[in-house]
């Protein structure tokens, strides 16, 4: 198992007091230390050569150029109040995609590892084709899914998003397709307002989106039951060759944004269940990407449980 990060992620500055801060990287890395897995950390300074091509395939033609120009010109917001930026924001968002693609290559192309976790910021799952939202600029997990679908041996990709917020961007990017299945557990109604149970996909993609909304205040029992009763049977039926996880830890009971009661133990158990289902369908291969998680201690403990489970044989 490998864990990836990149120093350029520290160049994205969001301002004093913003929850999506550089400190999140330190909390996640502290989780790696607590798990005793520092030797698995790859602090790469490179990104995939496919990065710009894949971003352009997932996002609209001029979207990346708009973000690049906004960051370079000194703008402090991009598209909405949700999305503070700095001069390094474009580079960080681009690198998040590039490092995730590198991790995907190590798992599915070079086959040097079966599992990987990418500690990147900014997060990605709210980013739409032509719009930044919810601290997200490029939809990193969607870029990885698109890239994997280009590989001849990968016909079906599964994305499981357990962030407390619904991944509206990821859902919308794939909701008309049947080759990428998006399944999400999240608080509802809640930001960003999407993710109702009746959102199941459109046209050819109908039946290949599954939303499992929770009311506020639920905890381990509800989450683990949903994984056992809904998520795992769906994955078993779909039989993906690649499993991707939007690993947001903001449903943790300490998180200031989530309003849920999940403990770090549940994140470890959900990870173990994903390992098991990946062994049945994906030759054990799983890639997980950091999304939300805004309490330092909650994030560190959750990451520790997550990577401990990922590293298990």
C-alpha atoms as a PDB file:
ATOM      1  CA  UNK A   1       0.000   0.000   0.000  1.00  0.00           C
ATOM      2  CA  UNK A   2       1.250   3.469  -0.917  1.00  0.00           C
ATOM      3  CA  UNK A   3       0.278   6.922   0.332  1.00  0.00           C
ATOM      4  CA  UNK A   4       0.798   9.928  -1.915  1.00  0.00           C
ATOM      5  CA  UNK A   5       1.131  13.629  -1.303  1.00  0.00           C
ATOM      6  CA  UNK A   6       2.860  16.586  -2.951  1.00  0.00           C
ATOM      7  CA  UNK A   7       4.357  19.793  -1.474  1.00  0.00           C
ATOM      8  CA  UNK A   8       2.495  21.934  -4.007  1.00  0.00           C
ATOM      9  CA  UNK A   9      -0.743  21.278  -2.094  1.00  0.00           C
ATOM     10  CA  UNK A  10       0.542  23.763   0.490  1.00  0.00           C
ATOM     11  CA  UNK A  11       0.478  26.556  -2.080  1.00  0.00           C
ATOM     12  CA  UNK A  12      -3.315  26.748  -2.033  1.00  0.00           C
ATOM     13  CA  UNK A  13      -4.120  29.402   0.584  1.00  0.00           C
ATOM     14  CA  UNK A  14      -7.740  29.903   1.643  1.00  0.00           C
ATOM     15  CA  UNK A  15      -7.379  32.630   4.251  1.00  0.00           C
ATOM     16  CA  UNK A  16      -7.371  32.832   8.027  1.00  0.00           C
ATOM     17  CA  UNK A  17      -9.987  30.684   9.709  1.00  0.00           C
ATOM     18  CA  UNK A  18     -11.110  28.809   6.598  1.00  0.00           C
ATOM     19  CA  UNK A  19     -11.842  25.132   7.347  1.00  0.00           C
ATOM     20  CA  UNK A  20     -10.154  23.851   4.157  1.00  0.00           C
ATOM     21  CA  UNK A  21      -6.665  24.923   5.230  1.00  0.00           C
ATOM     22  CA  UNK A  22      -3.088  23.745   4.868  1.00  0.00           C
ATOM     23  CA  UNK A  23      -3.392  22.356   8.391  1.00  0.00           C
ATOM     24  CA  UNK A  24      -5.516  19.540   6.979  1.00  0.00           C
ATOM     25  CA  UNK A  25      -2.419  18.101   5.309  1.00  0.00           C
ATOM     26  CA  UNK A  26      -0.584  18.049   8.630  1.00  0.00           C
ATOM     27  CA  UNK A  27      -3.538  16.344  10.326  1.00  0.00           C
ATOM     28  CA  UNK A  28      -3.730  13.675   7.635  1.00  0.00           C
ATOM     29  CA  UNK A  29       0.026  13.108   7.804  1.00  0.00           C
ATOM     30  CA  UNK A  30      -0.214  12.834  11.578  1.00  0.00           C
ATOM     31  CA  UNK A  31      -2.738  10.067  10.967  1.00  0.00           C
ATOM     32  CA  UNK A  32      -0.175   8.252   8.833  1.00  0.00           C
ATOM     33  CA  UNK A  33       2.340   8.544  11.686  1.00  0.00           C
ATOM     34  CA  UNK A  34      -0.177   7.231  14.217  1.00  0.00           C
ATOM     35  CA  UNK A  35      -0.792   4.242  11.984  1.00  0.00           C
ATOM     36  CA  UNK A  36       2.950   3.552  11.791  1.00  0.00           C
ATOM     37  CA  UNK A  37       2.872   3.815   8.011  1.00  0.00           C
ATOM     38  CA  UNK A  38       5.271   6.685   7.333  1.00  0.00           C
ATOM     39  CA  UNK A  39       7.427   4.309   5.277  1.00  0.00           C
ATOM     40  CA  UNK A  40       4.533   3.991   2.789  1.00  0.00           C
ATOM     41  CA  UNK A  41       4.452   7.749   2.128  1.00  0.00           C
ATOM     42  CA  UNK A  42       5.524   8.948  -1.312  1.00  0.00           C
ATOM     43  CA  UNK A  43       6.100  12.716  -1.330  1.00  0.00           C
ATOM     44  CA  UNK A  44       6.250  13.183  -5.062  1.00  0.00           C
ATOM     45  CA  UNK A  45       7.001  16.455  -6.816  1.00  0.00           C
ATOM     46  CA  UNK A  46       5.805  15.157 -10.194  1.00  0.00           C
ATOM     47  CA  UNK A  47       2.386  14.711 -11.777  1.00  0.00           C
ATOM     48  CA  UNK A  48       1.152  12.456 -14.546  1.00  0.00           C
ATOM     49  CA  UNK A  49       1.902  13.481 -18.117  1.00  0.00           C
ATOM     50  CA  UNK A  50      -1.792  12.855 -18.796  1.00  0.00           C
ATOM     51  CA  UNK A  51      -2.967  15.469 -16.284  1.00  0.00           C
ATOM     52  CA  UNK A  52      -3.872  18.342 -18.595  1.00  0.00           C
ATOM     53  CA  UNK A  53      -5.457  16.086 -21.205  1.00  0.00           C
ATOM     54  CA  UNK A  54      -7.692  14.374 -18.657  1.00  0.00           C
ATOM     55  CA  UNK A  55      -8.700  17.639 -16.985  1.00  0.00           C
ATOM     56  CA  UNK A  56      -9.689  18.972 -20.409  1.00  0.00           C
ATOM     57  CA  UNK A  57     -11.703  15.820 -21.064  1.00  0.00           C
ATOM     58  CA  UNK A  58     -13.646  16.017 -17.793  1.00  0.00           C
ATOM     59  CA  UNK A  59     -14.080  19.798 -17.579  1.00  0.00           C
ATOM     60  CA  UNK A  60     -15.222  22.286 -20.212  1.00  0.00           C
ATOM     61  CA  UNK A  61     -12.733  23.555 -22.762  1.00  0.00           C
ATOM     62  CA  UNK A  62     -11.774  26.846 -21.132  1.00  0.00           C
ATOM     63  CA  UNK A  63     -12.376  26.000 -17.479  1.00  0.00           C
ATOM     64  CA  UNK A  64      -8.766  25.214 -16.541  1.00  0.00           C
ATOM     65  CA  UNK A  65      -7.548  28.337 -18.294  1.00  0.00           C
ATOM     66  CA  UNK A  66     -10.063  30.427 -16.346  1.00  0.00           C
ATOM     67  CA  UNK A  67      -8.834  29.044 -13.024  1.00  0.00           C
ATOM     68  CA  UNK A  68      -5.201  29.502 -14.028  1.00  0.00           C
ATOM     69  CA  UNK A  69      -5.802  33.119 -15.042  1.00  0.00           C
ATOM     70  CA  UNK A  70      -7.813  33.883 -11.896  1.00  0.00           C
ATOM     71  CA  UNK A  71      -5.058  32.563  -9.628  1.00  0.00           C
ATOM     72  CA  UNK A  72      -2.302  34.315 -11.555  1.00  0.00           C
ATOM     73  CA  UNK A  73      -4.135  37.652 -11.543  1.00  0.00           C
ATOM     74  CA  UNK A  74      -4.490  37.760  -7.769  1.00  0.00           C
ATOM     75  CA  UNK A  75      -8.216  37.076  -7.533  1.00  0.00           C
ATOM     76  CA  UNK A  76      -9.313  35.909  -4.087  1.00  0.00           C
ATOM     77  CA  UNK A  77     -12.503  34.070  -5.057  1.00  0.00           C
ATOM     78  CA  UNK A  78     -13.341  31.810  -7.983  1.00  0.00           C
ATOM     79  CA  UNK A  79     -16.997  31.495  -9.060  1.00  0.00           C
ATOM     80  CA  UNK A  80     -18.462  31.917  -5.561  1.00  0.00           C
ATOM     81  CA  UNK A  81     -17.775  32.755  -1.934  1.00  0.00           C
ATOM     82  CA  UNK A  82     -17.242  29.010  -1.376  1.00  0.00           C
ATOM     83  CA  UNK A  83     -13.995  29.004  -3.286  1.00  0.00           C
ATOM     84  CA  UNK A  84     -11.199  31.235  -2.013  1.00  0.00           C
ATOM     85  CA  UNK A  85      -8.046  31.076  -4.104  1.00  0.00           C
ATOM     86  CA  UNK A  86      -4.455  32.294  -4.055  1.00  0.00           C
ATOM     87  CA  UNK A  87      -1.635  32.426  -6.567  1.00  0.00           C
ATOM     88  CA  UNK A  88      -0.874  28.749  -5.975  1.00  0.00           C
ATOM     89  CA  UNK A  89      -4.404  27.398  -6.185  1.00  0.00           C
ATOM     90  CA  UNK A  90      -4.334  26.376  -9.837  1.00  0.00           C
ATOM     91  CA  UNK A  91      -1.061  24.510  -9.380  1.00  0.00           C
ATOM     92  CA  UNK A  92      -2.392  22.712  -6.303  1.00  0.00           C
ATOM     93  CA  UNK A  93      -5.679  21.695  -7.929  1.00  0.00           C
ATOM     94  CA  UNK A  94      -3.874  20.507 -11.046  1.00  0.00           C
ATOM     95  CA  UNK A  95      -1.383  18.536  -8.950  1.00  0.00           C
ATOM     96  CA  UNK A  96      -4.220  16.863  -7.024  1.00  0.00           C
ATOM     97  CA  UNK A  97      -5.388  15.374 -10.305  1.00  0.00           C
ATOM     98  CA  UNK A  98      -1.871  14.587 -11.463  1.00  0.00           C
ATOM     99  CA  UNK A  99      -0.842  12.792  -8.284  1.00  0.00           C
ATOM    100  CA  UNK A 100      -4.085  10.792  -8.248  1.00  0.00           C
ATOM    101  CA  UNK A 101      -3.439   9.719 -11.835  1.00  0.00           C
ATOM    102  CA  UNK A 102       0.082   8.657 -10.859  1.00  0.00           C
ATOM    103  CA  UNK A 103      -1.381   6.569  -8.048  1.00  0.00           C
ATOM    104  CA  UNK A 104      -3.858   5.006 -10.473  1.00  0.00           C
ATOM    105  CA  UNK A 105      -0.998   4.123 -12.797  1.00  0.00           C
ATOM    106  CA  UNK A 106       0.865   2.410  -9.957  1.00  0.00           C
ATOM    107  CA  UNK A 107      -2.195   0.319  -9.157  1.00  0.00           C
ATOM    108  CA  UNK A 108      -3.748  -0.539 -12.529  1.00  0.00           C
ATOM    109  CA  UNK A 109      -1.087   0.101 -15.178  1.00  0.00           C
ATOM    110  CA  UNK A 110       2.292  -0.666 -13.582  1.00  0.00           C
ATOM    111  CA  UNK A 111       0.673  -2.966 -10.988  1.00  0.00           C
ATOM    112  CA  UNK A 112       3.258  -2.120  -8.333  1.00  0.00           C
ATOM    113  CA  UNK A 113       0.735  -1.904  -5.508  1.00  0.00           C
ATOM    114  CA  UNK A 114      -2.859  -2.955  -4.916  1.00  0.00           C
ATOM    115  CA  UNK A 115      -4.034  -0.007  -2.819  1.00  0.00           C
ATOM    116  CA  UNK A 116      -3.221   3.661  -2.426  1.00  0.00           C
ATOM    117  CA  UNK A 117      -4.439   6.723  -0.563  1.00  0.00           C
ATOM    118  CA  UNK A 118      -3.892  10.237  -1.943  1.00  0.00           C
ATOM    119  CA  UNK A 119      -3.583  13.074   0.574  1.00  0.00           C
ATOM    120  CA  UNK A 120      -4.304  16.085  -1.623  1.00  0.00           C
ATOM    121  CA  UNK A 121      -5.994  19.446  -1.407  1.00  0.00           C
ATOM    122  CA  UNK A 122      -8.080  21.137  -2.593  1.00  0.00           C
ATOM    123  CA  UNK A 123     -10.715  18.378  -2.564  1.00  0.00           C
ATOM    124  CA  UNK A 124     -12.692  17.644  -5.715  1.00  0.00           C
ATOM    125  CA  UNK A 125     -16.080  15.953  -5.580  1.00  0.00           C
ATOM    126  CA  UNK A 126     -18.213  19.134  -5.700  1.00  0.00           C
ATOM    127  CA  UNK A 127     -16.530  20.480  -8.850  1.00  0.00           C
ATOM    128  CA  UNK A 128     -18.861  20.500 -11.854  1.00  0.00           C
ATOM    129  CA  UNK A 129     -17.873  20.399 -15.502  1.00  0.00           C
ATOM    130  CA  UNK A 130     -17.640  24.198 -15.708  1.00  0.00           C
ATOM    131  CA  UNK A 131     -18.020  25.403 -12.125  1.00  0.00           C
ATOM    132  CA  UNK A 132     -16.088  25.368  -8.862  1.00  0.00           C
ATOM    133  CA  UNK A 133     -18.121  24.581  -5.747  1.00  0.00           C
ATOM    134  CA  UNK A 134     -17.664  23.710  -2.103  1.00  0.00           C
ATOM    135  CA  UNK A 135     -13.879  24.289  -1.899  1.00  0.00           C
ATOM    136  CA  UNK A 136     -13.418  22.130  -5.051  1.00  0.00           C
ATOM    137  CA  UNK A 137     -11.951  23.188  -8.412  1.00  0.00           C
ATOM    138  CA  UNK A 138     -11.110  20.089 -10.477  1.00  0.00           C
ATOM    139  CA  UNK A 139     -13.078  16.902  -9.875  1.00  0.00           C
ATOM    140  CA  UNK A 140     -10.141  14.677  -9.065  1.00  0.00           C
ATOM    141  CA  UNK A 141     -11.963  11.378  -8.660  1.00  0.00           C
ATOM    142  CA  UNK A 142     -13.908  11.945 -11.873  1.00  0.00           C
ATOM    143  CA  UNK A 143     -10.628  12.547 -13.693  1.00  0.00           C
ATOM    144  CA  UNK A 144      -9.259   9.254 -12.368  1.00  0.00           C
ATOM    145  CA  UNK A 145     -12.426   7.390 -13.366  1.00  0.00           C
ATOM    146  CA  UNK A 146     -12.280   8.871 -16.868  1.00  0.00           C
ATOM    147  CA  UNK A 147      -8.630   7.883 -17.208  1.00  0.00           C
ATOM    148  CA  UNK A 148      -9.255   4.328 -16.037  1.00  0.00           C
ATOM    149  CA  UNK A 149     -12.115   3.923 -18.490  1.00  0.00           C
ATOM    150  CA  UNK A 150      -9.616   4.540 -21.288  1.00  0.00           C
ATOM    151  CA  UNK A 151      -7.788   1.353 -20.308  1.00  0.00           C
ATOM    152  CA  UNK A 152      -8.899  -1.628 -22.370  1.00  0.00           C
ATOM    153  CA  UNK A 153      -9.212  -3.997 -19.427  1.00  0.00           C
ATOM    154  CA  UNK A 154     -11.383  -1.633 -17.374  1.00  0.00           C
ATOM    155  CA  UNK A 155     -14.959  -1.480 -18.627  1.00  0.00           C
ATOM    156  CA  UNK A 156     -16.689  -0.578 -15.351  1.00  0.00           C
ATOM    157  CA  UNK A 157     -15.563   1.807 -12.609  1.00  0.00           C
ATOM    158  CA  UNK A 158     -17.251   2.116  -9.219  1.00  0.00           C
ATOM    159  CA  UNK A 159     -17.026   5.318  -7.167  1.00  0.00           C
ATOM    160  CA  UNK A 160     -18.093   5.119  -3.527  1.00  0.00           C
ATOM    161  CA  UNK A 161     -18.340   8.556  -1.900  1.00  0.00           C
ATOM    162  CA  UNK A 162     -18.701   8.530   1.898  1.00  0.00           C
ATOM    163  CA  UNK A 163     -18.083  12.251   2.478  1.00  0.00           C
ATOM    164  CA  UNK A 164     -20.819  13.842   4.614  1.00  0.00           C
ATOM    165  CA  UNK A 165     -21.669  16.126   1.687  1.00  0.00           C
ATOM    166  CA  UNK A 166     -23.116  14.736  -1.517  1.00  0.00           C
ATOM    167  CA  UNK A 167     -20.670  14.740  -4.428  1.00  0.00           C
ATOM    168  CA  UNK A 168     -22.874  16.672  -6.820  1.00  0.00           C
ATOM    169  CA  UNK A 169     -20.085  17.182  -9.350  1.00  0.00           C
ATOM    170  CA  UNK A 170     -19.155  13.526  -9.564  1.00  0.00           C
ATOM    171  CA  UNK A 171     -22.780  12.471  -9.913  1.00  0.00           C
ATOM    172  CA  UNK A 172     -23.541  14.991 -12.635  1.00  0.00           C
ATOM    173  CA  UNK A 173     -20.427  14.143 -14.655  1.00  0.00           C
ATOM    174  CA  UNK A 174     -21.444  10.487 -14.919  1.00  0.00           C
ATOM    175  CA  UNK A 175     -25.216  10.414 -14.460  1.00  0.00           C
ATOM    176  CA  UNK A 176     -25.880   9.709 -18.152  1.00  0.00           C
ATOM    177  CA  UNK A 177     -23.394   6.827 -18.326  1.00  0.00           C
ATOM    178  CA  UNK A 178     -23.455   3.189 -17.295  1.00  0.00           C
ATOM    179  CA  UNK A 179     -19.692   2.597 -17.304  1.00  0.00           C
ATOM    180  CA  UNK A 180     -19.083   4.596 -14.097  1.00  0.00           C
ATOM    181  CA  UNK A 181     -21.383   3.810 -11.160  1.00  0.00           C
ATOM    182  CA  UNK A 182     -21.638   6.504  -8.491  1.00  0.00           C
ATOM    183  CA  UNK A 183     -22.884   5.612  -5.023  1.00  0.00           C
ATOM    184  CA  UNK A 184     -22.974   8.073  -2.135  1.00  0.00           C
ATOM    185  CA  UNK A 185     -23.776   8.055   1.567  1.00  0.00           C
ATOM    186  CA  UNK A 186     -24.333  11.594   2.865  1.00  0.00           C
ATOM    187  CA  UNK A 187     -26.387  13.877   5.076  1.00  0.00           C
ATOM    188  CA  UNK A 188     -29.575  15.124   3.401  1.00  0.00           C
ATOM    189  CA  UNK A 189     -31.020  17.687   3.133  1.00  0.00           C
ATOM    190  CA  UNK A 190     -27.691  19.447   3.439  1.00  0.00           C
ATOM    191  CA  UNK A 191     -25.091  21.219   1.322  1.00  0.00           C
ATOM    192  CA  UNK A 192     -25.035  21.182  -1.718  1.00  0.00           C
ATOM    193  CA  UNK A 193     -28.756  20.342  -1.916  1.00  0.00           C
ATOM    194  CA  UNK A 194     -28.410  17.343  -4.224  1.00  0.00           C
ATOM    195  CA  UNK A 195     -28.376  13.643  -3.434  1.00  0.00           C
ATOM    196  CA  UNK A 196     -32.026  12.725  -2.969  1.00  0.00           C
ATOM    197  CA  UNK A 197     -32.828   9.030  -3.065  1.00  0.00           C
ATOM    198  CA  UNK A 198     -34.746   9.413  -6.337  1.00  0.00           C
ATOM    199  CA  UNK A 199     -31.687  10.713  -8.192  1.00  0.00           C
ATOM    200  CA  UNK A 200     -30.740   7.468  -9.941  1.00  0.00           C
ATOM    201  CA  UNK A 201     -29.211   8.600 -13.229  1.00  0.00           C
ATOM    202  CA  UNK A 202     -30.506   9.726 -16.601  1.00  0.00           C
ATOM    203  CA  UNK A 203     -31.057   7.892 -19.884  1.00  0.00           C
ATOM    204  CA  UNK A 204     -28.424   5.220 -20.420  1.00  0.00           C
ATOM    205  CA  UNK A 205     -27.156   5.987 -16.926  1.00  0.00           C
ATOM    206  CA  UNK A 206     -30.467   5.346 -15.218  1.00  0.00           C
ATOM    207  CA  UNK A 207     -29.903   2.879 -12.408  1.00  0.00           C
ATOM    208  CA  UNK A 208     -26.181   3.591 -12.197  1.00  0.00           C
ATOM    209  CA  UNK A 209     -26.408   6.320  -9.566  1.00  0.00           C
ATOM    210  CA  UNK A 210     -27.406   5.402  -6.018  1.00  0.00           C
ATOM    211  CA  UNK A 211     -27.875   7.910  -3.209  1.00  0.00           C
ATOM    212  CA  UNK A 212     -28.220   6.828   0.409  1.00  0.00           C
ATOM    213  CA  UNK A 213     -29.240   9.951   2.344  1.00  0.00           C
ATOM    214  CA  UNK A 214     -29.060  10.162   6.126  1.00  0.00           C
ATOM    215  CA  UNK A 215     -30.632  12.628   8.504  1.00  0.00           C
ATOM    216  CA  UNK A 216     -28.294  14.631  10.719  1.00  0.00           C
ATOM    217  CA  UNK A 217     -26.865  13.033  13.832  1.00  0.00           C
ATOM    218  CA  UNK A 218     -26.524   9.417  12.663  1.00  0.00           C
ATOM    219  CA  UNK A 219     -23.454   7.399  13.499  1.00  0.00           C
ATOM    220  CA  UNK A 220     -21.559   4.160  13.061  1.00  0.00           C
ATOM    221  CA  UNK A 221     -24.536   1.818  13.163  1.00  0.00           C
ATOM    222  CA  UNK A 222     -26.365   3.512  10.293  1.00  0.00           C
ATOM    223  CA  UNK A 223     -23.270   3.906   8.147  1.00  0.00           C
ATOM    224  CA  UNK A 224     -22.068   0.335   8.590  1.00  0.00           C
ATOM    225  CA  UNK A 225     -25.568  -1.019   7.979  1.00  0.00           C
ATOM    226  CA  UNK A 226     -25.787   0.945   4.719  1.00  0.00           C
ATOM    227  CA  UNK A 227     -22.452  -0.457   3.586  1.00  0.00           C
ATOM    228  CA  UNK A 228     -23.494  -4.030   4.353  1.00  0.00           C
ATOM    229  CA  UNK A 229     -27.064  -3.846   3.098  1.00  0.00           C
ATOM    230  CA  UNK A 230     -26.776  -1.471   0.147  1.00  0.00           C
ATOM    231  CA  UNK A 231     -23.254  -0.597  -0.965  1.00  0.00           C
ATOM    232  CA  UNK A 232     -21.712  -4.062  -1.023  1.00  0.00           C
ATOM    233  CA  UNK A 233     -24.631  -5.755  -2.842  1.00  0.00           C
ATOM    234  CA  UNK A 234     -24.565  -3.002  -5.476  1.00  0.00           C
ATOM    235  CA  UNK A 235     -20.832  -3.432  -6.044  1.00  0.00           C
ATOM    236  CA  UNK A 236     -21.218  -7.210  -6.213  1.00  0.00           C
ATOM    237  CA  UNK A 237     -23.927  -6.862  -8.837  1.00  0.00           C
ATOM    238  CA  UNK A 238     -22.024  -4.268 -10.897  1.00  0.00           C
ATOM    239  CA  UNK A 239     -18.686  -6.163 -10.787  1.00  0.00           C
ATOM    240  CA  UNK A 240     -16.348  -3.215 -11.437  1.00  0.00           C
ATOM    241  CA  UNK A 241     -12.756  -3.687 -12.482  1.00  0.00           C
ATOM    242  CA  UNK A 242     -11.766  -0.536 -10.563  1.00  0.00           C
ATOM    243  CA  UNK A 243     -12.950   0.758  -7.198  1.00  0.00           C
ATOM    244  CA  UNK A 244     -12.424   4.402  -6.226  1.00  0.00           C
ATOM    245  CA  UNK A 245     -13.371   5.975  -2.890  1.00  0.00           C
ATOM    246  CA  UNK A 246     -14.049   9.643  -2.184  1.00  0.00           C
ATOM    247  CA  UNK A 247     -12.827   9.399   1.386  1.00  0.00           C
ATOM    248  CA  UNK A 248     -14.273  12.369   3.205  1.00  0.00           C
ATOM    249  CA  UNK A 249     -14.011  12.213   6.995  1.00  0.00           C
ATOM    250  CA  UNK A 250     -16.367  15.087   7.821  1.00  0.00           C
ATOM    251  CA  UNK A 251     -19.105  12.815   9.164  1.00  0.00           C
ATOM    252  CA  UNK A 252     -16.807  12.294  12.174  1.00  0.00           C
ATOM    253  CA  UNK A 253     -18.463  13.327  15.418  1.00  0.00           C
ATOM    254  CA  UNK A 254     -15.860  16.036  16.073  1.00  0.00           C
ATOM    255  CA  UNK A 255     -16.200  17.688  12.682  1.00  0.00           C
ATOM    256  CA  UNK A 256     -17.476  21.285  12.761  1.00  0.00           C
ATOM    257  CA  UNK A 257     -19.237  21.052   9.389  1.00  0.00           C
ATOM    258  CA  UNK A 258     -20.838  17.615   9.349  1.00  0.00           C
ATOM    259  CA  UNK A 259     -23.326  17.319  12.209  1.00  0.00           C
ATOM    260  CA  UNK A 260     -22.941  13.527  12.332  1.00  0.00           C
ATOM    261  CA  UNK A 261     -21.773  11.054  14.998  1.00  0.00           C
ATOM    262  CA  UNK A 262     -19.483   8.686  13.110  1.00  0.00           C
ATOM    263  CA  UNK A 263     -16.306   7.514  14.873  1.00  0.00           C
ATOM    264  CA  UNK A 264     -12.940   6.726  13.335  1.00  0.00           C
ATOM    265  CA  UNK A 265     -13.666   3.047  13.987  1.00  0.00           C
ATOM    266  CA  UNK A 266     -16.408   3.089  11.347  1.00  0.00           C
ATOM    267  CA  UNK A 267     -14.052   4.464   8.699  1.00  0.00           C
ATOM    268  CA  UNK A 268     -11.701   1.579   9.339  1.00  0.00           C
ATOM    269  CA  UNK A 269     -14.510  -0.943   9.107  1.00  0.00           C
ATOM    270  CA  UNK A 270     -15.923   0.565   5.900  1.00  0.00           C
ATOM    271  CA  UNK A 271     -12.434   0.392   4.410  1.00  0.00           C
ATOM    272  CA  UNK A 272     -12.133  -3.276   5.316  1.00  0.00           C
ATOM    273  CA  UNK A 273     -15.436  -4.015   3.625  1.00  0.00           C
ATOM    274  CA  UNK A 274     -14.207  -2.252   0.495  1.00  0.00           C
ATOM    275  CA  UNK A 275     -11.002  -4.293   0.572  1.00  0.00           C
ATOM    276  CA  UNK A 276     -13.094  -7.455   0.650  1.00  0.00           C
ATOM    277  CA  UNK A 277     -15.351  -6.489  -2.233  1.00  0.00           C
ATOM    278  CA  UNK A 278     -12.354  -5.293  -4.268  1.00  0.00           C
ATOM    279  CA  UNK A 279     -10.765  -8.708  -3.780  1.00  0.00           C
ATOM    280  CA  UNK A 280     -13.809 -10.270  -5.432  1.00  0.00           C
ATOM    281  CA  UNK A 281     -13.969  -7.981  -8.463  1.00  0.00           C
ATOM    282  CA  UNK A 282     -10.903  -5.728  -8.820  1.00  0.00           C
ATOM    283  CA  UNK A 283      -8.022  -8.063  -7.975  1.00  0.00           C
ATOM    284  CA  UNK A 284      -7.907  -6.277  -4.638  1.00  0.00           C
ATOM    285  CA  UNK A 285      -7.151  -2.910  -6.197  1.00  0.00           C
ATOM    286  CA  UNK A 286      -8.540   0.213  -4.495  1.00  0.00           C
ATOM    287  CA  UNK A 287      -7.653   3.907  -4.782  1.00  0.00           C
ATOM    288  CA  UNK A 288      -8.927   6.334  -2.155  1.00  0.00           C
ATOM    289  CA  UNK A 289      -8.759  10.124  -2.302  1.00  0.00           C
ATOM    290  CA  UNK A 290      -9.031  12.562   0.595  1.00  0.00           C
ATOM    291  CA  UNK A 291     -12.106  14.759   0.323  1.00  0.00           C
ATOM    292  CA  UNK A 292     -13.511  16.507   3.440  1.00  0.00           C
ATOM    293  CA  UNK A 293     -12.558  16.355   7.108  1.00  0.00           C
ATOM    294  CA  UNK A 294     -12.104  19.580   9.050  1.00  0.00           C
ATOM    295  CA  UNK A 295     -11.394  18.763  12.686  1.00  0.00           C
ATOM    296  CA  UNK A 296      -7.647  18.190  13.218  1.00  0.00           C
ATOM    297  CA  UNK A 297      -7.957  15.393  15.749  1.00  0.00           C
ATOM    298  CA  UNK A 298     -10.925  13.785  14.046  1.00  0.00           C
ATOM    299  CA  UNK A 299      -9.137  13.826  10.700  1.00  0.00           C
ATOM    300  CA  UNK A 300      -5.895  12.433  12.105  1.00  0.00           C
ATOM    301  CA  UNK A 301      -7.652   9.567  13.881  1.00  0.00           C
ATOM    302  CA  UNK A 302      -9.880   8.796  10.903  1.00  0.00           C
ATOM    303  CA  UNK A 303      -6.962   8.726   8.475  1.00  0.00           C
ATOM    304  CA  UNK A 304      -5.062   6.461  10.873  1.00  0.00           C
ATOM    305  CA  UNK A 305      -7.917   3.950  10.911  1.00  0.00           C
ATOM    306  CA  UNK A 306      -8.410   4.219   7.152  1.00  0.00           C
ATOM    307  CA  UNK A 307      -4.809   3.560   6.144  1.00  0.00           C
ATOM    308  CA  UNK A 308      -4.391   0.858   8.775  1.00  0.00           C
ATOM    309  CA  UNK A 309      -7.273  -0.987   7.166  1.00  0.00           C
ATOM    310  CA  UNK A 310      -5.996  -0.301   3.643  1.00  0.00           C
ATOM    311  CA  UNK A 311      -2.625  -1.790   4.532  1.00  0.00           C
ATOM    312  CA  UNK A 312      -4.087  -5.024   5.847  1.00  0.00           C
ATOM    313  CA  UNK A 313      -3.615  -8.129   3.724  1.00  0.00           C
END
